[in-house]
Amino acid sequence: MSAFLTATAFLVLVAVAAYVIHRLGLQHADRIAAYRYSTPRPGRRGRCAPQPYAAPRVRIPAG
């Protein structure tokens, strides 16, 4: 009888731990979904297509 109660208590403990881990995983997934990693910060270049290289302008003095 004692072994049966011990096994039952162990299974209940495992089930509670699995439920807590499941809930923590859902909270973590909600936080990740709420935070947008792909939005650029103000003042920084975005992740758009690369721009072509702009050659430096050379001024030739007239004269």
N, C-alpha and C. Protein backbone atom coordinates (compact mmCIF):
# COMPACT_ATOMS: atom_id res chain seq x y z
N MET A 1 0.82 -1.20 0.00
CA MET A 1 0.00 0.00 0.00
C MET A 1 0.86 1.26 0.00
N SER A 2 1.96 1.20 0.74
CA SER A 2 2.85 2.35 0.81
C SER A 2 3.50 2.63 -0.55
N ALA A 3 3.86 1.58 -1.27
CA ALA A 3 4.47 1.76 -2.59
C ALA A 3 3.47 2.37 -3.56
N PHE A 4 2.21 1.98 -3.45
CA PHE A 4 1.18 2.55 -4.31
C PHE A 4 1.01 4.05 -4.05
N LEU A 5 0.98 4.45 -2.79
CA LEU A 5 0.85 5.87 -2.46
C LEU A 5 2.08 6.67 -2.91
N THR A 6 3.25 6.08 -2.77
CA THR A 6 4.47 6.75 -3.21
C THR A 6 4.46 6.94 -4.72
N ALA A 7 4.09 5.91 -5.45
CA ALA A 7 4.03 6.01 -6.91
C ALA A 7 2.98 7.02 -7.34
N THR A 8 1.84 7.04 -6.67
CA THR A 8 0.79 8.00 -7.01
C THR A 8 1.25 9.43 -6.72
N ALA A 9 1.89 9.63 -5.58
CA ALA A 9 2.39 10.97 -5.25
C ALA A 9 3.45 11.42 -6.26
N PHE A 10 4.30 10.48 -6.68
CA PHE A 10 5.33 10.81 -7.67
C PHE A 10 4.70 11.20 -9.00
N LEU A 11 3.69 10.46 -9.45
CA LEU A 11 3.02 10.78 -10.71
C LEU A 11 2.30 12.12 -10.64
N VAL A 12 1.69 12.42 -9.50
CA VAL A 12 1.03 13.72 -9.34
C VAL A 12 2.07 14.84 -9.38
N LEU A 13 3.20 14.64 -8.74
CA LEU A 13 4.26 15.63 -8.75
C LEU A 13 4.79 15.87 -10.17
N VAL A 14 4.98 14.80 -10.92
CA VAL A 14 5.44 14.93 -12.31
C VAL A 14 4.40 15.66 -13.15
N ALA A 15 3.12 15.36 -12.95
CA ALA A 15 2.06 16.03 -13.72
C ALA A 15 2.00 17.52 -13.39
N VAL A 16 2.15 17.87 -12.13
CA VAL A 16 2.14 19.29 -11.74
C VAL A 16 3.35 20.00 -12.33
N ALA A 17 4.51 19.37 -12.29
CA ALA A 17 5.71 19.98 -12.86
C ALA A 17 5.56 20.17 -14.36
N ALA A 18 5.00 19.19 -15.05
CA ALA A 18 4.79 19.32 -16.50
C ALA A 18 3.82 20.45 -16.81
N TYR A 19 2.79 20.61 -16.00
CA TYR A 19 1.83 21.69 -16.21
C TYR A 19 2.48 23.06 -15.99
N VAL A 20 3.31 23.18 -14.96
CA VAL A 20 4.00 24.45 -14.69
C VAL A 20 4.95 24.78 -15.83
N ILE A 21 5.70 23.80 -16.31
CA ILE A 21 6.62 24.03 -17.43
C ILE A 21 5.84 24.43 -18.67
N HIS A 22 4.71 23.80 -18.90
CA HIS A 22 3.87 24.15 -20.05
C HIS A 22 3.39 25.59 -19.96
N ARG A 23 2.93 26.02 -18.80
CA ARG A 23 2.45 27.39 -18.61
C ARG A 23 3.58 28.40 -18.79
N LEU A 24 4.76 28.08 -18.28
CA LEU A 24 5.90 28.99 -18.45
C LEU A 24 6.29 29.11 -19.93
N GLY A 25 6.20 28.01 -20.66
CA GLY A 25 6.47 28.06 -22.09
C GLY A 25 5.47 28.92 -22.83
N LEU A 26 4.21 28.87 -22.44
CA LEU A 26 3.20 29.72 -23.08
C LEU A 26 3.45 31.20 -22.78
N GLN A 27 3.83 31.52 -21.56
CA GLN A 27 4.13 32.90 -21.21
C GLN A 27 5.32 33.40 -22.01
N HIS A 28 6.33 32.55 -22.16
CA HIS A 28 7.52 32.95 -22.92
C HIS A 28 7.16 33.18 -24.38
N ALA A 29 6.33 32.32 -24.94
CA ALA A 29 5.91 32.47 -26.34
C ALA A 29 5.11 33.76 -26.52
N ASP A 30 4.27 34.10 -25.55
CA ASP A 30 3.51 35.35 -25.63
C ASP A 30 4.43 36.56 -25.59
N ARG A 31 5.46 36.50 -24.77
CA ARG A 31 6.40 37.63 -24.69
C ARG A 31 7.17 37.78 -26.00
N ILE A 32 7.57 36.67 -26.58
CA ILE A 32 8.29 36.74 -27.85
C ILE A 32 7.39 37.29 -28.94
N ALA A 33 6.13 36.88 -28.96
CA ALA A 33 5.20 37.36 -29.99
C ALA A 33 4.92 38.85 -29.81
N ALA A 34 4.95 39.34 -28.58
CA ALA A 34 4.65 40.76 -28.33
C ALA A 34 5.83 41.65 -28.69
N TYR A 35 7.05 41.14 -28.63
CA TYR A 35 8.23 41.94 -28.91
C TYR A 35 8.63 41.72 -30.36
N ARG A 36 8.67 42.79 -31.12
CA ARG A 36 9.00 42.66 -32.54
C ARG A 36 10.49 42.86 -32.73
N TYR A 37 11.18 41.79 -33.05
CA TYR A 37 12.62 41.86 -33.24
C TYR A 37 12.99 42.50 -34.57
N SER A 38 12.10 42.46 -35.53
CA SER A 38 12.45 42.89 -36.87
C SER A 38 12.27 44.38 -37.11
N THR A 39 11.72 45.12 -36.17
CA THR A 39 11.54 46.55 -36.39
C THR A 39 12.85 47.28 -36.14
N PRO A 40 13.25 48.13 -37.06
CA PRO A 40 14.52 48.85 -36.87
C PRO A 40 14.38 49.94 -35.82
N ARG A 41 15.48 50.26 -35.21
CA ARG A 41 15.49 51.34 -34.24
C ARG A 41 15.52 52.67 -34.99
N PRO A 42 15.01 53.72 -34.38
CA PRO A 42 15.05 55.03 -35.04
C PRO A 42 16.50 55.46 -35.27
N GLY A 43 16.75 56.02 -36.43
CA GLY A 43 18.09 56.51 -36.74
C GLY A 43 19.03 55.45 -37.26
N ARG A 44 18.57 54.24 -37.42
CA ARG A 44 19.42 53.18 -37.94
C ARG A 44 18.86 52.69 -39.27
N ARG A 45 19.75 52.17 -40.08
CA ARG A 45 19.29 51.66 -41.37
C ARG A 45 18.47 50.41 -41.17
N GLY A 46 17.45 50.27 -41.99
CA GLY A 46 16.60 49.10 -41.90
C GLY A 46 17.21 47.91 -42.61
N ARG A 47 16.46 46.83 -42.65
CA ARG A 47 16.93 45.62 -43.31
C ARG A 47 16.32 45.52 -44.70
N CYS A 48 16.42 46.56 -45.45
CA CYS A 48 15.88 46.55 -46.81
C CYS A 48 16.95 46.05 -47.77
N ALA A 49 16.66 46.10 -49.03
CA ALA A 49 17.60 45.65 -50.05
C ALA A 49 18.83 46.55 -50.03
N PRO A 50 20.00 45.99 -50.27
CA PRO A 50 21.21 46.82 -50.24
C PRO A 50 21.16 47.89 -51.31
N GLN A 51 21.62 49.06 -50.95
CA GLN A 51 21.64 50.19 -51.88
C GLN A 51 22.90 50.12 -52.72
N PRO A 52 22.82 50.57 -53.97
CA PRO A 52 24.03 50.56 -54.81
C PRO A 52 25.05 51.55 -54.27
N TYR A 53 26.31 51.26 -54.55
CA TYR A 53 27.40 52.11 -54.08
C TYR A 53 27.35 53.44 -54.80
N ALA A 54 27.37 54.50 -54.05
CA ALA A 54 27.36 55.84 -54.63
C ALA A 54 28.80 56.32 -54.77
N ALA A 55 29.21 56.59 -56.00
CA ALA A 55 30.58 57.05 -56.24
C ALA A 55 30.75 58.46 -55.68
N PRO A 56 31.91 58.76 -55.14
CA PRO A 56 32.13 60.11 -54.61
C PRO A 56 32.11 61.14 -55.74
N ARG A 57 31.59 62.30 -55.43
CA ARG A 57 31.54 63.37 -56.43
C ARG A 57 32.87 64.11 -56.43
N VAL A 58 33.40 64.27 -57.62
CA VAL A 58 34.67 64.98 -57.78
C VAL A 58 34.38 66.26 -58.53
N ARG A 59 34.76 67.37 -57.94
CA ARG A 59 34.57 68.66 -58.60
C ARG A 59 35.87 69.07 -59.27
N ILE A 60 35.77 69.35 -60.53
CA ILE A 60 36.93 69.83 -61.28
C ILE A 60 36.80 71.35 -61.36
N PRO A 61 37.78 72.05 -60.82
CA PRO A 61 37.69 73.51 -60.85
C PRO A 61 37.77 74.03 -62.29
N ALA A 62 36.88 74.94 -62.59
CA ALA A 62 36.87 75.55 -63.93
C ALA A 62 37.91 76.67 -63.94
N GLY A 63 38.72 76.62 -64.93
CA GLY A 63 39.61 77.75 -64.93
C GLY A 63 40.81 77.59 -65.63
